Amino acid sequence: FPFRSSFVSRFTTDTLSKLASVRTTVGYTEKLLTLYPRIAGFRKKQTYLVLLQNSMELRPTGGFIGSIMLLTFVDGKVESLEVEDVYTADGQLKGHVDPPRPIREILRSEHWYLRDSNWDPQFTVSGEKAKWFYEKEMNKSVDGVIALSLPLVTNLLRVTGPVELLDFNERISESNFFAKSLLYTEVGFFPGSTKKKDFLGSLTQSLLNRITTDRSVAPGLLLSAFEEGI
């Protein structure tokens, strides 16, 4: 048998590469399933601060924190979901926090807020700082911090297909998500406007409903999207 042929060599290399990928996926899956009972609130109610990061504006952990979401799980189900503009939360900070030197010199900001809390590329550091700011600003405690960037939403829409936002008379898909999110979160925005949080809240709720109730959504593809996000 020609073990040294180019065909066998390529086949062996491709197979080993695929096996390595499968092992990585299985490793992620095993860890996620081990954590799932705790994360999803089966032992006790879990409340998370979710940082919605705009990856079009560069920051060390994946994007500028333009909005935040408070997400509560009980027995594997979403009990509540609240989206808020980060500037609304930052406006409630009492007192002054000295910013890191790069924020002071590069961003020309004399104060430090939740929106710039993800200044350390190590997320355990930035996540803890975001939690500290949120609890000081909103006077609410959270059990953990999650960061979501725009590419993950695009990948999820690729798996779930388009979702309908009845309140906005919009059909959001993988191809128009960036444009629509820009339209509703940036264009014509003014202090006090709820358009951004209403759009993001509606989109998040619709995506969660599709993921948790639509049996045509392939679990394997969902897992791959989350794995890529992680």
C-alpha atoms as a PDB file:
ATOM      1  CA  PHE A   1       0.000   0.000   0.000  1.00  0.00           C
ATOM      2  CA  PRO A   2       1.515   3.373  -1.016  1.00  0.00           C
ATOM      3  CA  PHE A   3       1.752   5.022   2.421  1.00  0.00           C
ATOM      4  CA  ARG A   4       4.039   7.691   1.038  1.00  0.00           C
ATOM      5  CA  SER A   5       1.748   8.808  -1.763  1.00  0.00           C
ATOM      6  CA  SER A   6       0.667  12.459  -1.766  1.00  0.00           C
ATOM      7  CA  PHE A   7      -3.008  11.448  -1.595  1.00  0.00           C
ATOM      8  CA  VAL A   8      -2.543   9.376   1.567  1.00  0.00           C
ATOM      9  CA  SER A   9      -0.385  12.113   3.085  1.00  0.00           C
ATOM     10  CA  ARG A  10      -3.035  14.797   2.460  1.00  0.00           C
ATOM     11  CA  PHE A  11      -5.813  12.506   3.691  1.00  0.00           C
ATOM     12  CA  THR A  12      -3.914  11.748   6.898  1.00  0.00           C
ATOM     13  CA  THR A  13      -3.148  15.419   7.534  1.00  0.00           C
ATOM     14  CA  ASP A  14      -6.779  16.470   6.940  1.00  0.00           C
ATOM     15  CA  THR A  15      -8.094  13.677   9.170  1.00  0.00           C
ATOM     16  CA  LEU A  16      -5.752  14.552  12.029  1.00  0.00           C
ATOM     17  CA  SER A  17      -6.732  18.223  11.720  1.00  0.00           C
ATOM     18  CA  LYS A  18     -10.448  17.342  11.879  1.00  0.00           C
ATOM     19  CA  LEU A  19      -9.883  15.048  14.872  1.00  0.00           C
ATOM     20  CA  ALA A  20      -8.086  17.858  16.707  1.00  0.00           C
ATOM     21  CA  SER A  21     -11.011  20.190  15.978  1.00  0.00           C
ATOM     22  CA  VAL A  22     -13.511  17.600  17.244  1.00  0.00           C
ATOM     23  CA  ARG A  23     -11.495  17.110  20.434  1.00  0.00           C
ATOM     24  CA  THR A  24     -11.507  20.881  21.034  1.00  0.00           C
ATOM     25  CA  THR A  25     -15.280  21.074  20.501  1.00  0.00           C
ATOM     26  CA  VAL A  26     -15.902  18.114  22.802  1.00  0.00           C
ATOM     27  CA  GLY A  27     -13.686  19.736  25.437  1.00  0.00           C
ATOM     28  CA  TYR A  28     -15.676  22.982  25.278  1.00  0.00           C
ATOM     29  CA  THR A  29     -18.960  21.064  25.363  1.00  0.00           C
ATOM     30  CA  GLU A  30     -17.931  19.027  28.376  1.00  0.00           C
ATOM     31  CA  LYS A  31     -16.937  22.139  30.329  1.00  0.00           C
ATOM     32  CA  LEU A  32     -20.110  24.023  29.367  1.00  0.00           C
ATOM     33  CA  LEU A  33     -22.346  21.097  30.347  1.00  0.00           C
ATOM     34  CA  THR A  34     -20.548  20.802  33.686  1.00  0.00           C
ATOM     35  CA  LEU A  35     -21.167  24.496  34.381  1.00  0.00           C
ATOM     36  CA  TYR A  36     -24.678  24.594  32.917  1.00  0.00           C
ATOM     37  CA  PRO A  37     -26.675  23.709  36.081  1.00  0.00           C
ATOM     38  CA  ARG A  38     -25.024  26.600  37.911  1.00  0.00           C
ATOM     39  CA  ILE A  39     -25.004  29.096  35.029  1.00  0.00           C
ATOM     40  CA  ALA A  40     -28.657  28.482  34.120  1.00  0.00           C
ATOM     41  CA  GLY A  41     -29.974  28.966  37.648  1.00  0.00           C
ATOM     42  CA  PHE A  42     -30.979  25.404  38.538  1.00  0.00           C
ATOM     43  CA  ARG A  43     -29.354  25.669  41.972  1.00  0.00           C
ATOM     44  CA  LYS A  44     -30.325  29.282  42.629  1.00  0.00           C
ATOM     45  CA  LYS A  45     -31.354  32.313  40.624  1.00  0.00           C
ATOM     46  CA  GLN A  46     -28.433  33.743  38.666  1.00  0.00           C
ATOM     47  CA  THR A  47     -28.202  37.352  37.486  1.00  0.00           C
ATOM     48  CA  TYR A  48     -25.625  38.422  34.915  1.00  0.00           C
ATOM     49  CA  LEU A  49     -24.367  41.746  33.679  1.00  0.00           C
ATOM     50  CA  VAL A  50     -24.030  41.422  29.900  1.00  0.00           C
ATOM     51  CA  LEU A  51     -21.748  43.922  28.174  1.00  0.00           C
ATOM     52  CA  LEU A  52     -22.937  44.557  24.609  1.00  0.00           C
ATOM     53  CA  GLN A  53     -19.705  45.447  22.851  1.00  0.00           C
ATOM     54  CA  ASN A  54     -19.589  47.312  19.551  1.00  0.00           C
ATOM     55  CA  SER A  55     -16.675  45.642  17.772  1.00  0.00           C
ATOM     56  CA  MET A  56     -16.623  48.437  15.171  1.00  0.00           C
ATOM     57  CA  GLU A  57     -15.050  50.627  17.882  1.00  0.00           C
ATOM     58  CA  LEU A  58     -11.865  49.011  19.123  1.00  0.00           C
ATOM     59  CA  ARG A  59     -11.397  48.135  22.788  1.00  0.00           C
ATOM     60  CA  PRO A  60      -9.159  45.512  24.478  1.00  0.00           C
ATOM     61  CA  THR A  61     -11.903  42.927  25.152  1.00  0.00           C
ATOM     62  CA  GLY A  62     -13.594  43.159  21.755  1.00  0.00           C
ATOM     63  CA  GLY A  63     -15.393  46.465  21.430  1.00  0.00           C
ATOM     64  CA  PHE A  64     -16.788  49.592  23.048  1.00  0.00           C
ATOM     65  CA  ILE A  65     -19.472  48.940  25.695  1.00  0.00           C
ATOM     66  CA  GLY A  66     -22.337  50.905  24.172  1.00  0.00           C
ATOM     67  CA  SER A  67     -25.153  49.141  26.024  1.00  0.00           C
ATOM     68  CA  ILE A  68     -25.581  46.772  28.940  1.00  0.00           C
ATOM     69  CA  MET A  69     -28.106  44.071  29.725  1.00  0.00           C
ATOM     70  CA  LEU A  70     -29.234  42.536  33.009  1.00  0.00           C
ATOM     71  CA  LEU A  71     -30.132  38.883  32.414  1.00  0.00           C
ATOM     72  CA  THR A  72     -31.665  36.609  35.056  1.00  0.00           C
ATOM     73  CA  PHE A  73     -31.966  32.810  34.795  1.00  0.00           C
ATOM     74  CA  VAL A  74     -34.147  30.528  36.944  1.00  0.00           C
ATOM     75  CA  ASP A  75     -34.365  26.759  36.305  1.00  0.00           C
ATOM     76  CA  GLY A  76     -32.847  27.110  32.848  1.00  0.00           C
ATOM     77  CA  LYS A  77     -35.239  29.825  31.686  1.00  0.00           C
ATOM     78  CA  VAL A  78     -34.826  33.569  31.240  1.00  0.00           C
ATOM     79  CA  GLU A  79     -36.819  35.178  34.041  1.00  0.00           C
ATOM     80  CA  SER A  80     -36.052  38.778  33.096  1.00  0.00           C
ATOM     81  CA  LEU A  81     -34.118  40.747  30.511  1.00  0.00           C
ATOM     82  CA  GLU A  82     -33.414  44.472  30.782  1.00  0.00           C
ATOM     83  CA  VAL A  83     -31.368  46.484  28.287  1.00  0.00           C
ATOM     84  CA  GLU A  84     -29.997  49.908  29.162  1.00  0.00           C
ATOM     85  CA  ASP A  85     -27.868  52.526  27.458  1.00  0.00           C
ATOM     86  CA  VAL A  86     -24.469  52.555  29.175  1.00  0.00           C
ATOM     87  CA  TYR A  87     -24.548  56.367  29.373  1.00  0.00           C
ATOM     88  CA  THR A  88     -27.746  56.169  31.437  1.00  0.00           C
ATOM     89  CA  ALA A  89     -25.962  53.941  33.956  1.00  0.00           C
ATOM     90  CA  ASP A  90     -22.798  56.064  33.934  1.00  0.00           C
ATOM     91  CA  GLY A  91     -24.867  59.165  34.635  1.00  0.00           C
ATOM     92  CA  GLN A  92     -25.771  57.680  38.013  1.00  0.00           C
ATOM     93  CA  LEU A  93     -22.209  57.248  39.270  1.00  0.00           C
ATOM     94  CA  LYS A  94     -21.702  59.287  42.412  1.00  0.00           C
ATOM     95  CA  GLY A  95     -18.197  60.540  43.016  1.00  0.00           C
ATOM     96  CA  HIS A  96     -15.024  60.461  40.936  1.00  0.00           C
ATOM     97  CA  VAL A  97     -12.913  57.481  39.818  1.00  0.00           C
ATOM     98  CA  ASP A  98      -9.400  58.130  38.517  1.00  0.00           C
ATOM     99  CA  PRO A  99      -8.955  56.535  35.052  1.00  0.00           C
ATOM    100  CA  PRO A 100      -5.889  54.557  33.947  1.00  0.00           C
ATOM    101  CA  ARG A 101      -3.252  56.759  32.373  1.00  0.00           C
ATOM    102  CA  PRO A 102      -3.998  55.694  28.731  1.00  0.00           C
ATOM    103  CA  ILE A 103      -7.677  56.655  29.134  1.00  0.00           C
ATOM    104  CA  ARG A 104      -6.679  60.020  30.553  1.00  0.00           C
ATOM    105  CA  GLU A 105      -4.065  60.730  27.877  1.00  0.00           C
ATOM    106  CA  ILE A 106      -5.493  59.058  24.762  1.00  0.00           C
ATOM    107  CA  LEU A 107      -9.243  59.426  25.304  1.00  0.00           C
ATOM    108  CA  ARG A 108      -8.810  62.767  27.111  1.00  0.00           C
ATOM    109  CA  SER A 109     -11.149  61.681  29.897  1.00  0.00           C
ATOM    110  CA  GLU A 110     -10.639  62.874  33.454  1.00  0.00           C
ATOM    111  CA  HIS A 111     -13.136  60.371  34.875  1.00  0.00           C
ATOM    112  CA  TRP A 112     -13.541  56.596  34.615  1.00  0.00           C
ATOM    113  CA  TYR A 113     -16.908  54.966  33.890  1.00  0.00           C
ATOM    114  CA  LEU A 114     -18.436  51.576  33.113  1.00  0.00           C
ATOM    115  CA  ARG A 115     -18.284  52.286  29.370  1.00  0.00           C
ATOM    116  CA  ASP A 116     -14.458  52.272  29.516  1.00  0.00           C
ATOM    117  CA  SER A 117     -14.109  49.571  32.175  1.00  0.00           C
ATOM    118  CA  ASN A 118     -12.869  46.934  29.688  1.00  0.00           C
ATOM    119  CA  TRP A 119      -9.427  48.500  29.417  1.00  0.00           C
ATOM    120  CA  ASP A 120      -7.521  45.337  30.399  1.00  0.00           C
ATOM    121  CA  PRO A 121      -7.304  42.595  27.725  1.00  0.00           C
ATOM    122  CA  GLN A 122      -7.534  39.987  30.504  1.00  0.00           C
ATOM    123  CA  PHE A 123     -11.305  39.649  30.838  1.00  0.00           C
ATOM    124  CA  THR A 124     -11.201  38.399  34.419  1.00  0.00           C
ATOM    125  CA  VAL A 125      -9.765  41.823  35.270  1.00  0.00           C
ATOM    126  CA  SER A 126     -12.031  43.908  33.017  1.00  0.00           C
ATOM    127  CA  GLY A 127     -15.115  41.865  33.932  1.00  0.00           C
ATOM    128  CA  GLU A 128     -14.512  42.404  37.624  1.00  0.00           C
ATOM    129  CA  LYS A 129     -14.050  46.135  37.030  1.00  0.00           C
ATOM    130  CA  ALA A 130     -17.301  46.296  35.003  1.00  0.00           C
ATOM    131  CA  LYS A 131     -19.103  44.515  37.853  1.00  0.00           C
ATOM    132  CA  TRP A 132     -17.701  47.048  40.338  1.00  0.00           C
ATOM    133  CA  PHE A 133     -18.845  50.024  38.252  1.00  0.00           C
ATOM    134  CA  TYR A 134     -22.305  48.543  37.626  1.00  0.00           C
ATOM    135  CA  GLU A 135     -22.963  47.819  41.292  1.00  0.00           C
ATOM    136  CA  LYS A 136     -21.826  51.327  42.266  1.00  0.00           C
ATOM    137  CA  GLU A 137     -23.918  53.011  39.555  1.00  0.00           C
ATOM    138  CA  MET A 138     -27.109  50.934  39.675  1.00  0.00           C
ATOM    139  CA  ASN A 139     -26.981  49.698  43.287  1.00  0.00           C
ATOM    140  CA  LYS A 140     -27.646  46.109  42.124  1.00  0.00           C
ATOM    141  CA  SER A 141     -25.470  43.033  42.588  1.00  0.00           C
ATOM    142  CA  VAL A 142     -24.728  40.475  39.866  1.00  0.00           C
ATOM    143  CA  ASP A 143     -23.411  36.906  39.924  1.00  0.00           C
ATOM    144  CA  GLY A 144     -21.238  37.217  36.850  1.00  0.00           C
ATOM    145  CA  VAL A 145     -20.278  39.262  33.806  1.00  0.00           C
ATOM    146  CA  ILE A 146     -20.555  38.253  30.139  1.00  0.00           C
ATOM    147  CA  ALA A 147     -19.262  40.196  27.138  1.00  0.00           C
ATOM    148  CA  LEU A 148     -20.983  39.848  23.750  1.00  0.00           C
ATOM    149  CA  SER A 149     -19.559  41.365  20.572  1.00  0.00           C
ATOM    150  CA  LEU A 150     -21.373  42.014  17.285  1.00  0.00           C
ATOM    151  CA  PRO A 151     -19.838  39.091  15.302  1.00  0.00           C
ATOM    152  CA  LEU A 152     -21.473  36.581  17.681  1.00  0.00           C
ATOM    153  CA  VAL A 153     -24.918  38.021  16.926  1.00  0.00           C
ATOM    154  CA  THR A 154     -24.193  37.761  13.192  1.00  0.00           C
ATOM    155  CA  ASN A 155     -23.134  34.124  13.602  1.00  0.00           C
ATOM    156  CA  LEU A 156     -26.277  33.331  15.605  1.00  0.00           C
ATOM    157  CA  LEU A 157     -28.481  34.927  12.934  1.00  0.00           C
ATOM    158  CA  ARG A 158     -26.721  32.766  10.353  1.00  0.00           C
ATOM    159  CA  VAL A 159     -27.840  29.691  12.325  1.00  0.00           C
ATOM    160  CA  THR A 160     -31.347  30.790  13.329  1.00  0.00           C
ATOM    161  CA  GLY A 161     -32.277  32.604  10.146  1.00  0.00           C
ATOM    162  CA  PRO A 162     -33.992  36.040  10.115  1.00  0.00           C
ATOM    163  CA  VAL A 163     -36.009  37.165  13.147  1.00  0.00           C
ATOM    164  CA  GLU A 164     -39.030  39.464  13.086  1.00  0.00           C
ATOM    165  CA  LEU A 165     -39.157  42.583  15.270  1.00  0.00           C
ATOM    166  CA  LEU A 166     -42.843  43.431  15.228  1.00  0.00           C
ATOM    167  CA  ASP A 167     -42.456  46.639  17.239  1.00  0.00           C
ATOM    168  CA  PHE A 168     -40.084  47.996  14.581  1.00  0.00           C
ATOM    169  CA  ASN A 169     -41.665  46.334  11.540  1.00  0.00           C
ATOM    170  CA  GLU A 170     -38.218  44.946  10.726  1.00  0.00           C
ATOM    171  CA  ARG A 171     -36.832  41.587   9.648  1.00  0.00           C
ATOM    172  CA  ILE A 172     -33.277  41.277  10.976  1.00  0.00           C
ATOM    173  CA  SER A 173     -30.934  38.869   9.225  1.00  0.00           C
ATOM    174  CA  GLU A 174     -27.251  38.062   9.054  1.00  0.00           C
ATOM    175  CA  SER A 175     -26.863  40.336   6.027  1.00  0.00           C
ATOM    176  CA  ASN A 176     -28.568  43.475   7.386  1.00  0.00           C
ATOM    177  CA  PHE A 177     -27.814  43.253  11.119  1.00  0.00           C
ATOM    178  CA  PHE A 178     -24.865  45.681  11.095  1.00  0.00           C
ATOM    179  CA  ALA A 179     -26.740  48.301   9.075  1.00  0.00           C
ATOM    180  CA  LYS A 180     -29.931  48.037  11.148  1.00  0.00           C
ATOM    181  CA  SER A 181     -28.080  48.107  14.469  1.00  0.00           C
ATOM    182  CA  LEU A 182     -26.265  51.260  13.335  1.00  0.00           C
ATOM    183  CA  LEU A 183     -29.568  52.818  12.260  1.00  0.00           C
ATOM    184  CA  TYR A 184     -31.282  52.209  15.595  1.00  0.00           C
ATOM    185  CA  THR A 185     -28.363  52.749  17.974  1.00  0.00           C
ATOM    186  CA  GLU A 186     -26.369  55.602  16.413  1.00  0.00           C
ATOM    187  CA  VAL A 187     -28.329  57.568  13.798  1.00  0.00           C
ATOM    188  CA  GLY A 188     -30.346  60.403  15.300  1.00  0.00           C
ATOM    189  CA  PHE A 189     -29.478  59.389  18.861  1.00  0.00           C
ATOM    190  CA  PHE A 190     -29.973  62.008  21.564  1.00  0.00           C
ATOM    191  CA  PRO A 191     -29.783  61.940  25.396  1.00  0.00           C
ATOM    192  CA  GLY A 192     -32.965  60.440  26.815  1.00  0.00           C
ATOM    193  CA  SER A 193     -33.809  58.489  23.659  1.00  0.00           C
ATOM    194  CA  THR A 194     -34.925  54.881  24.290  1.00  0.00           C
ATOM    195  CA  LYS A 195     -34.621  53.783  20.648  1.00  0.00           C
ATOM    196  CA  LYS A 196     -31.303  52.013  21.183  1.00  0.00           C
ATOM    197  CA  LYS A 197     -32.321  50.001  24.237  1.00  0.00           C
ATOM    198  CA  ASP A 198     -35.737  49.188  22.740  1.00  0.00           C
ATOM    199  CA  PHE A 199     -34.151  47.836  19.553  1.00  0.00           C
ATOM    200  CA  LEU A 200     -31.476  45.790  21.329  1.00  0.00           C
ATOM    201  CA  GLY A 201     -33.973  44.455  23.871  1.00  0.00           C
ATOM    202  CA  SER A 202     -36.416  43.404  21.160  1.00  0.00           C
ATOM    203  CA  LEU A 203     -33.668  41.752  19.090  1.00  0.00           C
ATOM    204  CA  THR A 204     -32.246  39.883  22.090  1.00  0.00           C
ATOM    205  CA  GLN A 205     -35.669  38.620  23.149  1.00  0.00           C
ATOM    206  CA  SER A 206     -36.507  37.485  19.614  1.00  0.00           C
ATOM    207  CA  LEU A 207     -33.175  35.659  19.265  1.00  0.00           C
ATOM    208  CA  LEU A 208     -33.595  33.929  22.634  1.00  0.00           C
ATOM    209  CA  ASN A 209     -37.129  32.873  21.727  1.00  0.00           C
ATOM    210  CA  ARG A 210     -35.936  31.440  18.410  1.00  0.00           C
ATOM    211  CA  ILE A 211     -33.020  29.589  20.005  1.00  0.00           C
ATOM    212  CA  THR A 212     -35.069  28.106  22.860  1.00  0.00           C
ATOM    213  CA  THR A 213     -38.346  27.266  21.078  1.00  0.00           C
ATOM    214  CA  ASP A 214     -37.649  26.653  17.373  1.00  0.00           C
ATOM    215  CA  ARG A 215     -36.811  22.964  16.920  1.00  0.00           C
ATOM    216  CA  SER A 216     -35.596  23.538  13.378  1.00  0.00           C
ATOM    217  CA  VAL A 217     -32.526  25.395  14.710  1.00  0.00           C
ATOM    218  CA  ALA A 218     -29.622  22.934  14.649  1.00  0.00           C
ATOM    219  CA  PRO A 219     -28.065  22.516  18.147  1.00  0.00           C
ATOM    220  CA  GLY A 220     -24.706  21.558  16.642  1.00  0.00           C
ATOM    221  CA  LEU A 221     -24.499  24.768  14.627  1.00  0.00           C
ATOM    222  CA  LEU A 222     -25.517  26.790  17.683  1.00  0.00           C
ATOM    223  CA  LEU A 223     -22.762  25.142  19.704  1.00  0.00           C
ATOM    224  CA  SER A 224     -20.233  25.956  16.974  1.00  0.00           C
ATOM    225  CA  ALA A 225     -21.331  29.622  16.956  1.00  0.00           C
ATOM    226  CA  PHE A 226     -20.948  29.887  20.737  1.00  0.00           C
ATOM    227  CA  GLU A 227     -17.640  28.021  20.629  1.00  0.00           C
ATOM    228  CA  GLU A 228     -16.305  30.497  18.063  1.00  0.00           C
ATOM    229  CA  GLY A 229     -17.574  33.341  20.267  1.00  0.00           C
ATOM    230  CA  ILE A 230     -15.780  31.924  23.303  1.00  0.00           C
END
